[in-house]
C-alpha atoms as a PDB file:
ATOM      1  CA  ILE A   1     -69.049 -50.395 -52.754  1.00  0.00           C
ATOM      2  CA  ALA A   2     -69.048 -51.360 -49.241  1.00  0.00           C
ATOM      3  CA  VAL A   3     -65.714 -50.490 -47.048  1.00  0.00           C
ATOM      4  CA  ARG A   4     -65.081 -52.158 -43.514  1.00  0.00           C
ATOM      5  CA  PHE A   5     -62.022 -50.530 -41.465  1.00  0.00           C
ATOM      6  CA  SER A   6     -60.592 -52.165 -38.724  1.00  0.00           C
ATOM      7  CA  THR A   7     -57.592 -53.327 -36.640  1.00  0.00           C
ATOM      8  CA  VAL A   8     -55.822 -56.851 -36.316  1.00  0.00           C
ATOM      9  CA  ALA A   9     -54.885 -57.510 -32.739  1.00  0.00           C
ATOM     10  CA  GLY A  10     -57.688 -55.674 -30.917  1.00  0.00           C
ATOM     11  CA  GLU A  11     -60.975 -57.472 -30.357  1.00  0.00           C
ATOM     12  CA  SER A  12     -64.213 -55.626 -31.311  1.00  0.00           C
ATOM     13  CA  GLY A  13     -64.670 -52.410 -29.201  1.00  0.00           C
ATOM     14  CA  SER A  14     -61.128 -52.313 -28.810  1.00  0.00           C
ATOM     15  CA  ALA A  15     -59.095 -48.775 -28.868  1.00  0.00           C
ATOM     16  CA  ASP A  16     -58.783 -47.907 -32.573  1.00  0.00           C
ATOM     17  CA  THR A  17     -55.401 -45.751 -32.139  1.00  0.00           C
ATOM     18  CA  VAL A  18     -53.310 -48.209 -31.047  1.00  0.00           C
ATOM     19  CA  ARG A  19     -49.806 -49.065 -32.932  1.00  0.00           C
ATOM     20  CA  ASP A  20     -51.665 -51.896 -35.014  1.00  0.00           C
ATOM     21  CA  PRO A  21     -52.136 -52.257 -38.734  1.00  0.00           C
ATOM     22  CA  ARG A  22     -55.571 -51.197 -40.220  1.00  0.00           C
ATOM     23  CA  GLY A  23     -57.674 -53.279 -42.077  1.00  0.00           C
ATOM     24  CA  PHE A  24     -59.230 -51.746 -45.224  1.00  0.00           C
ATOM     25  CA  ALA A  25     -61.659 -54.147 -46.901  1.00  0.00           C
ATOM     26  CA  VAL A  26     -63.417 -53.015 -49.918  1.00  0.00           C
ATOM     27  CA  LYS A  27     -66.716 -54.595 -51.407  1.00  0.00           C
ATOM     28  CA  PHE A  28     -67.413 -53.886 -55.350  1.00  0.00           C
ATOM     29  CA  TYR A  29     -71.069 -54.996 -56.410  1.00  0.00           C
ATOM     30  CA  THR A  30     -70.516 -55.089 -59.745  1.00  0.00           C
ATOM     31  CA  GLU A  31     -72.867 -56.813 -62.523  1.00  0.00           C
ATOM     32  CA  ASP A  32     -70.497 -59.509 -62.748  1.00  0.00           C
ATOM     33  CA  GLY A  33     -70.748 -60.369 -59.015  1.00  0.00           C
ATOM     34  CA  ASN A  34     -68.978 -59.027 -56.073  1.00  0.00           C
ATOM     35  CA  TRP A  35     -65.283 -58.238 -55.692  1.00  0.00           C
ATOM     36  CA  ASP A  36     -63.788 -58.355 -52.697  1.00  0.00           C
ATOM     37  CA  LEU A  37     -60.403 -56.427 -52.128  1.00  0.00           C
ATOM     38  CA  THR A  38     -59.348 -57.661 -48.600  1.00  0.00           C
ATOM     39  CA  GLY A  39     -56.676 -54.822 -47.888  1.00  0.00           C
ATOM     40  CA  ASN A  40     -54.902 -53.279 -45.351  1.00  0.00           C
ATOM     41  CA  ASN A  41     -53.184 -49.831 -44.636  1.00  0.00           C
ATOM     42  CA  THR A  42     -49.832 -51.363 -45.701  1.00  0.00           C
ATOM     43  CA  PRO A  43     -48.280 -52.432 -49.040  1.00  0.00           C
ATOM     44  CA  ILE A  44     -47.028 -55.462 -47.278  1.00  0.00           C
ATOM     45  CA  PHE A  45     -47.268 -57.961 -44.670  1.00  0.00           C
ATOM     46  CA  PHE A  46     -45.352 -59.855 -41.695  1.00  0.00           C
ATOM     47  CA  ILE A  47     -45.121 -63.440 -43.320  1.00  0.00           C
ATOM     48  CA  ARG A  48     -45.205 -64.562 -46.876  1.00  0.00           C
ATOM     49  CA  ASP A  49     -45.852 -68.346 -46.111  1.00  0.00           C
ATOM     50  CA  ALA A  50     -49.432 -69.148 -45.663  1.00  0.00           C
ATOM     51  CA  MET A  51     -49.247 -72.231 -43.308  1.00  0.00           C
ATOM     52  CA  LEU A  52     -47.750 -69.751 -40.892  1.00  0.00           C
ATOM     53  CA  PHE A  53     -50.851 -67.468 -40.732  1.00  0.00           C
ATOM     54  CA  PRO A  54     -52.657 -68.950 -38.035  1.00  0.00           C
ATOM     55  CA  SER A  55     -49.378 -68.977 -35.738  1.00  0.00           C
ATOM     56  CA  PHE A  56     -48.900 -65.320 -36.437  1.00  0.00           C
ATOM     57  CA  ILE A  57     -52.552 -64.299 -35.443  1.00  0.00           C
ATOM     58  CA  HIS A  58     -52.265 -66.394 -32.137  1.00  0.00           C
ATOM     59  CA  THR A  59     -49.426 -63.983 -31.223  1.00  0.00           C
ATOM     60  CA  GLN A  60     -51.199 -60.864 -31.939  1.00  0.00           C
ATOM     61  CA  LYS A  61     -54.330 -62.028 -29.525  1.00  0.00           C
ATOM     62  CA  ARG A  62     -54.186 -63.072 -26.035  1.00  0.00           C
ATOM     63  CA  ASN A  63     -52.172 -65.659 -23.924  1.00  0.00           C
ATOM     64  CA  PRO A  64     -53.541 -68.853 -23.770  1.00  0.00           C
ATOM     65  CA  GLN A  65     -53.201 -68.850 -19.913  1.00  0.00           C
ATOM     66  CA  THR A  66     -52.999 -65.699 -18.792  1.00  0.00           C
ATOM     67  CA  HIS A  67     -55.855 -64.313 -21.220  1.00  0.00           C
ATOM     68  CA  MET A  68     -53.755 -60.856 -21.435  1.00  0.00           C
ATOM     69  CA  LYS A  69     -51.451 -59.509 -24.162  1.00  0.00           C
ATOM     70  CA  ASP A  70     -48.387 -60.792 -24.590  1.00  0.00           C
ATOM     71  CA  PRO A  71     -45.226 -59.119 -26.191  1.00  0.00           C
ATOM     72  CA  ASP A  72     -42.973 -61.677 -25.614  1.00  0.00           C
ATOM     73  CA  MET A  73     -45.052 -63.904 -27.854  1.00  0.00           C
ATOM     74  CA  VAL A  74     -45.084 -61.330 -30.679  1.00  0.00           C
ATOM     75  CA  TRP A  75     -41.326 -60.409 -30.503  1.00  0.00           C
ATOM     76  CA  ASP A  76     -40.826 -63.986 -30.023  1.00  0.00           C
ATOM     77  CA  PHE A  77     -42.173 -64.552 -33.377  1.00  0.00           C
ATOM     78  CA  TRP A  78     -41.024 -61.565 -35.221  1.00  0.00           C
ATOM     79  CA  SER A  79     -37.416 -62.513 -33.994  1.00  0.00           C
ATOM     80  CA  LEU A  80     -38.018 -66.064 -35.641  1.00  0.00           C
ATOM     81  CA  ARG A  81     -39.172 -64.909 -38.858  1.00  0.00           C
ATOM     82  CA  PRO A  82     -36.804 -62.258 -40.514  1.00  0.00           C
ATOM     83  CA  GLU A  83     -38.976 -61.965 -43.366  1.00  0.00           C
ATOM     84  CA  SER A  84     -41.214 -59.810 -40.940  1.00  0.00           C
ATOM     85  CA  LEU A  85     -38.822 -56.982 -40.737  1.00  0.00           C
ATOM     86  CA  HIS A  86     -40.026 -55.142 -43.535  1.00  0.00           C
ATOM     87  CA  GLN A  87     -43.634 -54.759 -41.722  1.00  0.00           C
ATOM     88  CA  VAL A  88     -42.450 -54.505 -38.476  1.00  0.00           C
ATOM     89  CA  SER A  89     -40.105 -51.380 -39.617  1.00  0.00           C
ATOM     90  CA  PHE A  90     -43.292 -49.841 -41.165  1.00  0.00           C
ATOM     91  CA  LEU A  91     -45.600 -50.320 -38.215  1.00  0.00           C
ATOM     92  CA  PHE A  92     -43.017 -48.702 -36.029  1.00  0.00           C
ATOM     93  CA  SER A  93     -42.569 -45.643 -38.117  1.00  0.00           C
ATOM     94  CA  ASP A  94     -45.213 -42.426 -37.966  1.00  0.00           C
ATOM     95  CA  ARG A  95     -47.445 -44.721 -40.364  1.00  0.00           C
ATOM     96  CA  GLY A  96     -47.900 -47.244 -37.590  1.00  0.00           C
ATOM     97  CA  LEU A  97     -50.401 -44.649 -35.752  1.00  0.00           C
ATOM     98  CA  PRO A  98     -52.820 -43.406 -38.964  1.00  0.00           C
ATOM     99  CA  ASP A  99     -54.976 -40.190 -37.269  1.00  0.00           C
ATOM    100  CA  GLY A 100     -58.158 -42.200 -37.809  1.00  0.00           C
ATOM    101  CA  PHE A 101     -59.073 -44.119 -40.947  1.00  0.00           C
ATOM    102  CA  ARG A 102     -59.695 -40.912 -43.339  1.00  0.00           C
ATOM    103  CA  HIS A 103     -55.779 -40.286 -43.474  1.00  0.00           C
ATOM    104  CA  MET A 104     -54.176 -43.435 -44.271  1.00  0.00           C
ATOM    105  CA  ASN A 105     -53.464 -45.314 -47.430  1.00  0.00           C
ATOM    106  CA  GLY A 106     -55.089 -48.553 -48.481  1.00  0.00           C
ATOM    107  CA  TYR A 107     -53.456 -51.715 -50.469  1.00  0.00           C
ATOM    108  CA  GLY A 108     -54.392 -54.960 -51.970  1.00  0.00           C
ATOM    109  CA  SER A 109     -50.987 -55.963 -50.683  1.00  0.00           C
ATOM    110  CA  HIS A 110     -51.104 -59.121 -52.786  1.00  0.00           C
ATOM    111  CA  THR A 111     -50.508 -59.540 -56.281  1.00  0.00           C
ATOM    112  CA  PHE A 112     -53.254 -60.193 -58.515  1.00  0.00           C
ATOM    113  CA  LYS A 113     -53.755 -61.333 -62.539  1.00  0.00           C
ATOM    114  CA  LEU A 114     -55.680 -59.459 -64.797  1.00  0.00           C
ATOM    115  CA  VAL A 115     -56.943 -60.832 -67.883  1.00  0.00           C
ATOM    116  CA  ASN A 116     -58.660 -59.262 -70.798  1.00  0.00           C
ATOM    117  CA  ALA A 117     -61.130 -60.061 -73.510  1.00  0.00           C
ATOM    118  CA  ASP A 118     -58.460 -61.294 -75.532  1.00  0.00           C
ATOM    119  CA  GLY A 119     -57.517 -63.992 -72.418  1.00  0.00           C
ATOM    120  CA  GLN A 120     -53.687 -61.661 -72.459  1.00  0.00           C
ATOM    121  CA  CYS A 121     -52.647 -61.479 -68.993  1.00  0.00           C
ATOM    122  CA  VAL A 122     -50.500 -59.074 -66.386  1.00  0.00           C
ATOM    123  CA  TYR A 123     -49.980 -59.360 -62.974  1.00  0.00           C
ATOM    124  CA  CYS A 124     -51.125 -56.105 -60.910  1.00  0.00           C
ATOM    125  CA  LYS A 125     -51.130 -54.512 -57.556  1.00  0.00           C
ATOM    126  CA  PHE A 126     -54.020 -52.673 -56.205  1.00  0.00           C
ATOM    127  CA  HIS A 127     -53.525 -48.859 -54.134  1.00  0.00           C
ATOM    128  CA  TYR A 128     -55.699 -46.419 -53.069  1.00  0.00           C
ATOM    129  CA  LYS A 129     -54.326 -43.228 -52.150  1.00  0.00           C
ATOM    130  CA  THR A 130     -56.194 -40.950 -49.302  1.00  0.00           C
ATOM    131  CA  ASP A 131     -57.292 -37.668 -50.940  1.00  0.00           C
ATOM    132  CA  GLN A 132     -56.969 -36.139 -47.546  1.00  0.00           C
ATOM    133  CA  GLY A 133     -53.485 -36.595 -47.168  1.00  0.00           C
ATOM    134  CA  ILE A 134     -51.403 -38.535 -44.836  1.00  0.00           C
ATOM    135  CA  LYS A 135     -51.711 -37.633 -41.304  1.00  0.00           C
ATOM    136  CA  ASN A 136     -50.605 -39.469 -38.316  1.00  0.00           C
ATOM    137  CA  LEU A 137     -50.777 -39.166 -34.235  1.00  0.00           C
ATOM    138  CA  PRO A 138     -47.821 -38.375 -32.157  1.00  0.00           C
ATOM    139  CA  VAL A 139     -47.310 -41.571 -29.611  1.00  0.00           C
ATOM    140  CA  GLU A 140     -48.317 -39.649 -26.681  1.00  0.00           C
ATOM    141  CA  GLU A 141     -51.609 -38.247 -28.324  1.00  0.00           C
ATOM    142  CA  ALA A 142     -52.205 -41.959 -29.758  1.00  0.00           C
ATOM    143  CA  ASP A 143     -52.073 -43.203 -25.903  1.00  0.00           C
ATOM    144  CA  ARG A 144     -54.167 -40.344 -24.942  1.00  0.00           C
ATOM    145  CA  LEU A 145     -56.911 -41.358 -27.128  1.00  0.00           C
ATOM    146  CA  ALA A 146     -56.943 -44.986 -26.544  1.00  0.00           C
ATOM    147  CA  SER A 147     -57.809 -44.267 -22.904  1.00  0.00           C
ATOM    148  CA  THR A 148     -60.221 -41.175 -23.319  1.00  0.00           C
ATOM    149  CA  SER A 149     -61.630 -41.650 -26.574  1.00  0.00           C
ATOM    150  CA  PRO A 150     -60.866 -45.516 -27.902  1.00  0.00           C
ATOM    151  CA  ASP A 151     -63.645 -44.757 -30.678  1.00  0.00           C
ATOM    152  CA  TYR A 152     -61.492 -41.970 -32.203  1.00  0.00           C
ATOM    153  CA  ALA A 153     -61.069 -43.057 -35.788  1.00  0.00           C
ATOM    154  CA  ILE A 154     -64.650 -44.432 -36.107  1.00  0.00           C
ATOM    155  CA  GLY A 155     -66.059 -41.318 -34.726  1.00  0.00           C
ATOM    156  CA  ASP A 156     -63.727 -39.271 -37.008  1.00  0.00           C
ATOM    157  CA  LEU A 157     -64.992 -41.097 -40.102  1.00  0.00           C
ATOM    158  CA  PHE A 158     -68.676 -41.359 -39.143  1.00  0.00           C
ATOM    159  CA  ASN A 159     -68.626 -37.649 -38.125  1.00  0.00           C
ATOM    160  CA  ALA A 160     -66.985 -36.582 -41.465  1.00  0.00           C
ATOM    161  CA  ILE A 161     -69.386 -38.258 -43.197  1.00  0.00           C
ATOM    162  CA  ALA A 162     -72.529 -37.500 -41.718  1.00  0.00           C
ATOM    163  CA  ASN A 163     -71.344 -33.702 -42.407  1.00  0.00           C
ATOM    164  CA  GLY A 164     -71.015 -34.216 -46.288  1.00  0.00           C
ATOM    165  CA  ASN A 165     -67.618 -34.042 -46.057  1.00  0.00           C
ATOM    166  CA  TYR A 166     -66.918 -37.597 -47.849  1.00  0.00           C
ATOM    167  CA  PRO A 167     -63.331 -39.038 -47.573  1.00  0.00           C
ATOM    168  CA  SER A 168     -62.123 -40.503 -51.039  1.00  0.00           C
ATOM    169  CA  TRP A 169     -59.236 -42.177 -52.219  1.00  0.00           C
ATOM    170  CA  THR A 170     -57.861 -42.462 -55.668  1.00  0.00           C
ATOM    171  CA  PHE A 171     -57.662 -45.967 -56.903  1.00  0.00           C
ATOM    172  CA  TYR A 172     -54.144 -47.003 -58.837  1.00  0.00           C
ATOM    173  CA  ILE A 173     -52.776 -50.088 -60.277  1.00  0.00           C
ATOM    174  CA  GLN A 174     -49.376 -51.561 -60.611  1.00  0.00           C
ATOM    175  CA  VAL A 175     -48.824 -53.403 -63.827  1.00  0.00           C
ATOM    176  CA  MET A 176     -45.906 -56.300 -64.440  1.00  0.00           C
ATOM    177  CA  THR A 177     -46.392 -58.427 -67.530  1.00  0.00           C
ATOM    178  CA  PHE A 178     -45.208 -62.354 -67.112  1.00  0.00           C
ATOM    179  CA  GLU A 179     -41.979 -61.459 -68.931  1.00  0.00           C
ATOM    180  CA  GLN A 180     -40.892 -58.796 -66.464  1.00  0.00           C
ATOM    181  CA  ALA A 181     -42.268 -61.144 -63.900  1.00  0.00           C
ATOM    182  CA  GLU A 182     -39.470 -64.087 -65.007  1.00  0.00           C
ATOM    183  CA  LYS A 183     -36.615 -61.609 -65.033  1.00  0.00           C
ATOM    184  CA  PHE A 184     -37.572 -59.748 -61.898  1.00  0.00           C
ATOM    185  CA  PRO A 185     -35.103 -59.685 -59.215  1.00  0.00           C
ATOM    186  CA  PHE A 186     -36.736 -61.096 -56.354  1.00  0.00           C
ATOM    187  CA  ASN A 187     -40.083 -62.992 -56.144  1.00  0.00           C
ATOM    188  CA  PRO A 188     -42.555 -60.942 -57.610  1.00  0.00           C
ATOM    189  CA  PHE A 189     -45.496 -62.588 -55.494  1.00  0.00           C
ATOM    190  CA  ASP A 190     -43.839 -62.018 -52.094  1.00  0.00           C
ATOM    191  CA  LEU A 191     -45.970 -60.353 -49.865  1.00  0.00           C
ATOM    192  CA  THR A 192     -43.015 -58.831 -47.690  1.00  0.00           C
ATOM    193  CA  LYS A 193     -42.092 -56.813 -50.586  1.00  0.00           C
ATOM    194  CA  VAL A 194     -43.224 -54.139 -52.727  1.00  0.00           C
ATOM    195  CA  TRP A 195     -42.624 -53.261 -56.400  1.00  0.00           C
ATOM    196  CA  PRO A 196     -40.602 -50.154 -56.956  1.00  0.00           C
ATOM    197  CA  HIS A 197     -43.015 -47.188 -58.453  1.00  0.00           C
ATOM    198  CA  LYS A 198     -40.275 -46.036 -60.567  1.00  0.00           C
ATOM    199  CA  ASP A 199     -39.977 -49.699 -62.524  1.00  0.00           C
ATOM    200  CA  TYR A 200     -43.776 -50.129 -62.026  1.00  0.00           C
ATOM    201  CA  PRO A 201     -45.333 -46.615 -61.917  1.00  0.00           C
ATOM    202  CA  LEU A 202     -48.753 -46.038 -60.295  1.00  0.00           C
ATOM    203  CA  ILE A 203     -51.802 -46.018 -63.062  1.00  0.00           C
ATOM    204  CA  PRO A 204     -54.648 -44.104 -61.909  1.00  0.00           C
ATOM    205  CA  VAL A 205     -57.477 -45.963 -62.447  1.00  0.00           C
ATOM    206  CA  GLY A 206     -60.622 -44.428 -60.370  1.00  0.00           C
ATOM    207  CA  LYS A 207     -61.564 -43.340 -57.384  1.00  0.00           C
ATOM    208  CA  LEU A 208     -63.347 -44.563 -54.344  1.00  0.00           C
ATOM    209  CA  VAL A 209     -65.922 -41.943 -52.277  1.00  0.00           C
ATOM    210  CA  LEU A 210     -67.408 -42.769 -49.031  1.00  0.00           C
ATOM    211  CA  ASN A 211     -70.905 -40.908 -49.198  1.00  0.00           C
ATOM    212  CA  ARG A 212     -73.294 -42.629 -46.741  1.00  0.00           C
ATOM    213  CA  ASN A 213     -73.037 -43.988 -43.017  1.00  0.00           C
ATOM    214  CA  PRO A 214     -74.785 -47.411 -42.002  1.00  0.00           C
ATOM    215  CA  VAL A 215     -78.398 -47.623 -41.021  1.00  0.00           C
ATOM    216  CA  ASN A 216     -77.743 -50.270 -38.556  1.00  0.00           C
ATOM    217  CA  TYR A 217     -73.925 -51.271 -37.653  1.00  0.00           C
ATOM    218  CA  PHE A 218     -74.558 -54.902 -37.304  1.00  0.00           C
ATOM    219  CA  ALA A 219     -76.521 -55.419 -40.511  1.00  0.00           C
ATOM    220  CA  GLU A 220     -74.031 -53.777 -42.739  1.00  0.00           C
ATOM    221  CA  VAL A 221     -70.620 -53.538 -41.073  1.00  0.00           C
ATOM    222  CA  GLU A 222     -70.439 -56.415 -38.766  1.00  0.00           C
ATOM    223  CA  GLN A 223     -72.201 -58.933 -40.941  1.00  0.00           C
ATOM    224  CA  LEU A 224     -70.178 -58.164 -43.990  1.00  0.00           C
ATOM    225  CA  ALA A 225     -67.790 -60.632 -45.045  1.00  0.00           C
ATOM    226  CA  PHE A 226     -65.068 -60.305 -47.280  1.00  0.00           C
ATOM    227  CA  ASP A 227     -63.778 -62.833 -48.863  1.00  0.00           C
ATOM    228  CA  PRO A 228     -60.600 -62.976 -51.587  1.00  0.00           C
ATOM    229  CA  ASN A 229     -62.492 -66.011 -53.733  1.00  0.00           C
ATOM    230  CA  ASN A 230     -65.177 -63.147 -54.838  1.00  0.00           C
ATOM    231  CA  MET A 231     -63.375 -62.006 -57.942  1.00  0.00           C
ATOM    232  CA  PRO A 232     -65.307 -61.244 -61.055  1.00  0.00           C
ATOM    233  CA  PRO A 233     -64.258 -62.438 -64.620  1.00  0.00           C
ATOM    234  CA  GLY A 234     -61.002 -60.509 -65.426  1.00  0.00           C
ATOM    235  CA  ILE A 235     -59.238 -60.535 -61.991  1.00  0.00           C
ATOM    236  CA  GLU A 236     -57.659 -63.767 -61.086  1.00  0.00           C
ATOM    237  CA  PRO A 237     -54.816 -64.803 -57.960  1.00  0.00           C
ATOM    238  CA  SER A 238     -51.705 -64.975 -58.650  1.00  0.00           C
ATOM    239  CA  PRO A 239     -48.857 -67.544 -57.344  1.00  0.00           C
ATOM    240  CA  ASP A 240     -48.794 -65.260 -54.054  1.00  0.00           C
ATOM    241  CA  LYS A 241     -48.628 -67.912 -51.693  1.00  0.00           C
ATOM    242  CA  MET A 242     -50.121 -66.043 -48.917  1.00  0.00           C
ATOM    243  CA  LEU A 243     -53.100 -64.993 -51.145  1.00  0.00           C
ATOM    244  CA  GLN A 244     -53.675 -68.667 -51.832  1.00  0.00           C
ATOM    245  CA  GLY A 245     -53.616 -69.200 -47.929  1.00  0.00           C
ATOM    246  CA  ARG A 246     -56.701 -66.542 -47.494  1.00  0.00           C
ATOM    247  CA  LEU A 247     -58.703 -68.367 -50.614  1.00  0.00           C
ATOM    248  CA  PHE A 248     -59.123 -70.955 -47.906  1.00  0.00           C
ATOM    249  CA  SER A 249     -58.948 -69.371 -44.625  1.00  0.00           C
ATOM    250  CA  TYR A 250     -61.401 -66.723 -45.252  1.00  0.00           C
ATOM    251  CA  PRO A 251     -64.816 -68.650 -46.466  1.00  0.00           C
ATOM    252  CA  ASP A 252     -63.834 -71.313 -43.782  1.00  0.00           C
ATOM    253  CA  THR A 253     -64.032 -68.732 -41.020  1.00  0.00           C
ATOM    254  CA  HIS A 254     -67.070 -66.733 -42.586  1.00  0.00           C
ATOM    255  CA  ARG A 255     -69.202 -70.345 -42.126  1.00  0.00           C
ATOM    256  CA  HIS A 256     -68.094 -70.327 -38.555  1.00  0.00           C
ATOM    257  CA  ARG A 257     -69.239 -66.756 -37.927  1.00  0.00           C
ATOM    258  CA  LEU A 258     -71.869 -66.404 -40.066  1.00  0.00           C
ATOM    259  CA  GLY A 259     -73.353 -69.581 -41.223  1.00  0.00           C
ATOM    260  CA  ALA A 260     -73.393 -71.496 -44.467  1.00  0.00           C
ATOM    261  CA  ASN A 261     -75.585 -69.092 -46.288  1.00  0.00           C
ATOM    262  CA  TYR A 262     -73.678 -66.199 -45.176  1.00  0.00           C
ATOM    263  CA  LEU A 263     -73.424 -64.978 -49.023  1.00  0.00           C
ATOM    264  CA  GLN A 264     -77.697 -64.323 -48.785  1.00  0.00           C
ATOM    265  CA  LEU A 265     -77.375 -61.405 -46.321  1.00  0.00           C
ATOM    266  CA  PRO A 266     -78.364 -58.762 -47.503  1.00  0.00           C
ATOM    267  CA  VAL A 267     -74.672 -56.978 -47.389  1.00  0.00           C
ATOM    268  CA  ASN A 268     -72.921 -59.979 -48.815  1.00  0.00           C
ATOM    269  CA  CYS A 269     -75.143 -60.749 -51.764  1.00  0.00           C
ATOM    270  CA  PRO A 270     -74.509 -59.865 -55.221  1.00  0.00           C
ATOM    271  CA  TYR A 271     -77.320 -57.905 -55.797  1.00  0.00           C
ATOM    272  CA  ARG A 272     -76.728 -56.175 -58.834  1.00  0.00           C
ATOM    273  CA  ALA A 273     -76.174 -60.002 -60.668  1.00  0.00           C
ATOM    274  CA  ARG A 274     -78.610 -62.926 -61.012  1.00  0.00           C
ATOM    275  CA  VAL A 275     -77.152 -65.732 -58.777  1.00  0.00           C
ATOM    276  CA  ALA A 276     -78.008 -69.233 -60.281  1.00  0.00           C
ATOM    277  CA  ASN A 277     -75.924 -71.969 -59.367  1.00  0.00           C
ATOM    278  CA  TYR A 278     -76.455 -75.772 -57.451  1.00  0.00           C
ATOM    279  CA  GLN A 279     -75.870 -74.576 -53.957  1.00  0.00           C
ATOM    280  CA  ARG A 280     -78.804 -75.233 -51.676  1.00  0.00           C
ATOM    281  CA  ASP A 281     -80.345 -76.124 -48.327  1.00  0.00           C
ATOM    282  CA  GLY A 282     -77.996 -75.313 -45.239  1.00  0.00           C
ATOM    283  CA  PRO A 283     -79.040 -73.423 -41.986  1.00  0.00           C
ATOM    284  CA  MET A 284     -80.433 -69.886 -41.730  1.00  0.00           C
ATOM    285  CA  CYS A 285     -81.207 -69.949 -45.615  1.00  0.00           C
ATOM    286  CA  PHE A 286     -83.691 -67.238 -45.839  1.00  0.00           C
ATOM    287  CA  THR A 287     -84.628 -66.786 -49.833  1.00  0.00           C
ATOM    288  CA  ASP A 288     -86.948 -69.217 -51.925  1.00  0.00           C
ATOM    289  CA  ASN A 289     -83.696 -71.865 -52.017  1.00  0.00           C
ATOM    290  CA  GLN A 290     -83.857 -71.268 -56.017  1.00  0.00           C
ATOM    291  CA  GLY A 291     -87.499 -72.929 -56.233  1.00  0.00           C
ATOM    292  CA  GLY A 292     -88.267 -76.186 -57.802  1.00  0.00           C
ATOM    293  CA  ALA A 293     -84.934 -75.457 -60.419  1.00  0.00           C
ATOM    294  CA  PRO A 294     -82.881 -78.405 -60.737  1.00  0.00           C
ATOM    295  CA  ASN A 295     -80.036 -79.048 -58.079  1.00  0.00           C
ATOM    296  CA  TYR A 296     -77.769 -81.170 -60.147  1.00  0.00           C
ATOM    297  CA  PHE A 297     -75.543 -80.758 -63.311  1.00  0.00           C
ATOM    298  CA  PRO A 298     -75.857 -81.834 -65.807  1.00  0.00           C
ATOM    299  CA  ASN A 299     -79.599 -81.809 -66.580  1.00  0.00           C
ATOM    300  CA  SER A 300     -82.279 -81.218 -69.251  1.00  0.00           C
ATOM    301  CA  PHE A 301     -84.114 -78.727 -67.760  1.00  0.00           C
ATOM    302  CA  GLY A 302     -82.646 -75.298 -68.864  1.00  0.00           C
ATOM    303  CA  ALA A 303     -80.655 -74.697 -65.489  1.00  0.00           C
ATOM    304  CA  PRO A 304     -77.241 -72.902 -65.419  1.00  0.00           C
ATOM    305  CA  GLU A 305     -75.040 -74.013 -67.807  1.00  0.00           C
ATOM    306  CA  THR A 306     -71.166 -73.182 -67.211  1.00  0.00           C
ATOM    307  CA  GLN A 307     -69.670 -69.871 -68.418  1.00  0.00           C
ATOM    308  CA  PRO A 308     -66.562 -70.035 -70.418  1.00  0.00           C
ATOM    309  CA  ARG A 309     -65.722 -66.328 -69.696  1.00  0.00           C
ATOM    310  CA  CYS A 310     -65.616 -67.354 -65.825  1.00  0.00           C
ATOM    311  CA  LEU A 311     -63.135 -69.705 -66.546  1.00  0.00           C
ATOM    312  CA  GLU A 312     -59.892 -69.396 -64.698  1.00  0.00           C
ATOM    313  CA  SER A 313     -56.791 -68.712 -67.368  1.00  0.00           C
ATOM    314  CA  ARG A 314     -54.317 -70.968 -68.413  1.00  0.00           C
ATOM    315  CA  PHE A 315     -51.049 -71.053 -66.276  1.00  0.00           C
ATOM    316  CA  ARG A 316     -48.162 -73.252 -66.578  1.00  0.00           C
ATOM    317  CA  VAL A 317     -46.543 -75.086 -63.532  1.00  0.00           C
ATOM    318  CA  SER A 318     -42.915 -76.105 -62.611  1.00  0.00           C
ATOM    319  CA  PRO A 319     -42.374 -80.297 -62.768  1.00  0.00           C
ATOM    320  CA  ASP A 320     -41.406 -80.130 -58.902  1.00  0.00           C
ATOM    321  CA  VAL A 321     -43.253 -79.126 -56.301  1.00  0.00           C
ATOM    322  CA  ALA A 322     -42.342 -79.025 -52.591  1.00  0.00           C
ATOM    323  CA  ARG A 323     -42.105 -77.352 -49.094  1.00  0.00           C
ATOM    324  CA  TYR A 324     -39.555 -75.028 -48.331  1.00  0.00           C
ATOM    325  CA  ASN A 325     -38.611 -72.640 -45.800  1.00  0.00           C
ATOM    326  CA  SER A 326     -37.954 -68.920 -47.041  1.00  0.00           C
ATOM    327  CA  ALA A 327     -36.737 -67.365 -44.020  1.00  0.00           C
ATOM    328  CA  ASP A 328     -33.553 -66.640 -45.540  1.00  0.00           C
ATOM    329  CA  GLU A 329     -34.231 -65.082 -48.523  1.00  0.00           C
ATOM    330  CA  ASP A 330     -33.127 -61.579 -48.490  1.00  0.00           C
ATOM    331  CA  ASN A 331     -35.455 -59.549 -45.889  1.00  0.00           C
ATOM    332  CA  VAL A 332     -33.221 -56.369 -45.653  1.00  0.00           C
ATOM    333  CA  THR A 333     -32.447 -54.760 -49.004  1.00  0.00           C
ATOM    334  CA  GLN A 334     -36.004 -53.236 -49.247  1.00  0.00           C
ATOM    335  CA  VAL A 335     -36.219 -52.070 -45.429  1.00  0.00           C
ATOM    336  CA  ARG A 336     -32.689 -50.129 -45.871  1.00  0.00           C
END
């Protein structure tokens, strides 16, 4: 696996002890290709409508006139989108200031679909709970570190691994059947809400252990590209609208940031699986470009065929589709 921790509002090099959600993205190099779990340290998010995602990110960055962080933008947006209440409450709790990256949980946050070999499907959520225990910073200490040791979290993680004190997280899933989803009291694909653990208990499935630091930060961390589209057979997207929006926005961002052939970079390449497709050329291609194999389909020369096991499972759609504003749905009950 490869993992990248990050902040959301801050730029590269900014203080990593500020009150801000933490990114916790995991890339699994599987024999069926890469699986990217683009998670955070919170099980919920500020919005559930992907169309608002660009505007939300703008509020977290700098004012277009002053080029300063602008709390007016932040709170104006949050106050006008009541579904942000759950995540805002989480952010301004003790969990909003984790003591480094080792002492926080990670969550896939979105609802996904798991499909077995017989084509049977369930919905699921992914959780990775820290084995080091939850530990948070007092506000005064977080402020002090932001000015005296802005790389506190990354330094704590690097030094722990270098000293053989490998951090680990226990990996869990929650499972919900399609029948349970139909009877669920609220939208089970709403990213601003959680599934109650008493009804959908955590099922342990494995452990994540970080046992190596990057040899070169730029090559192995900065060039990492996490894409929620990267799912091996058996894992699929759900009707979660925020997830569906990220399926478009993430690869689009990577093509801008790293170039059209970012998947050929060693840290992004599915090195445990043989890649054979019809995608060729483009700037910064540094493989043999699949040699003289055909670059069209169908063909008569033994080039890659479609793989039925990689087909997305069947799903139902409702007869009417329209855009609507979900801001007035129940945004308070779970926060209480």
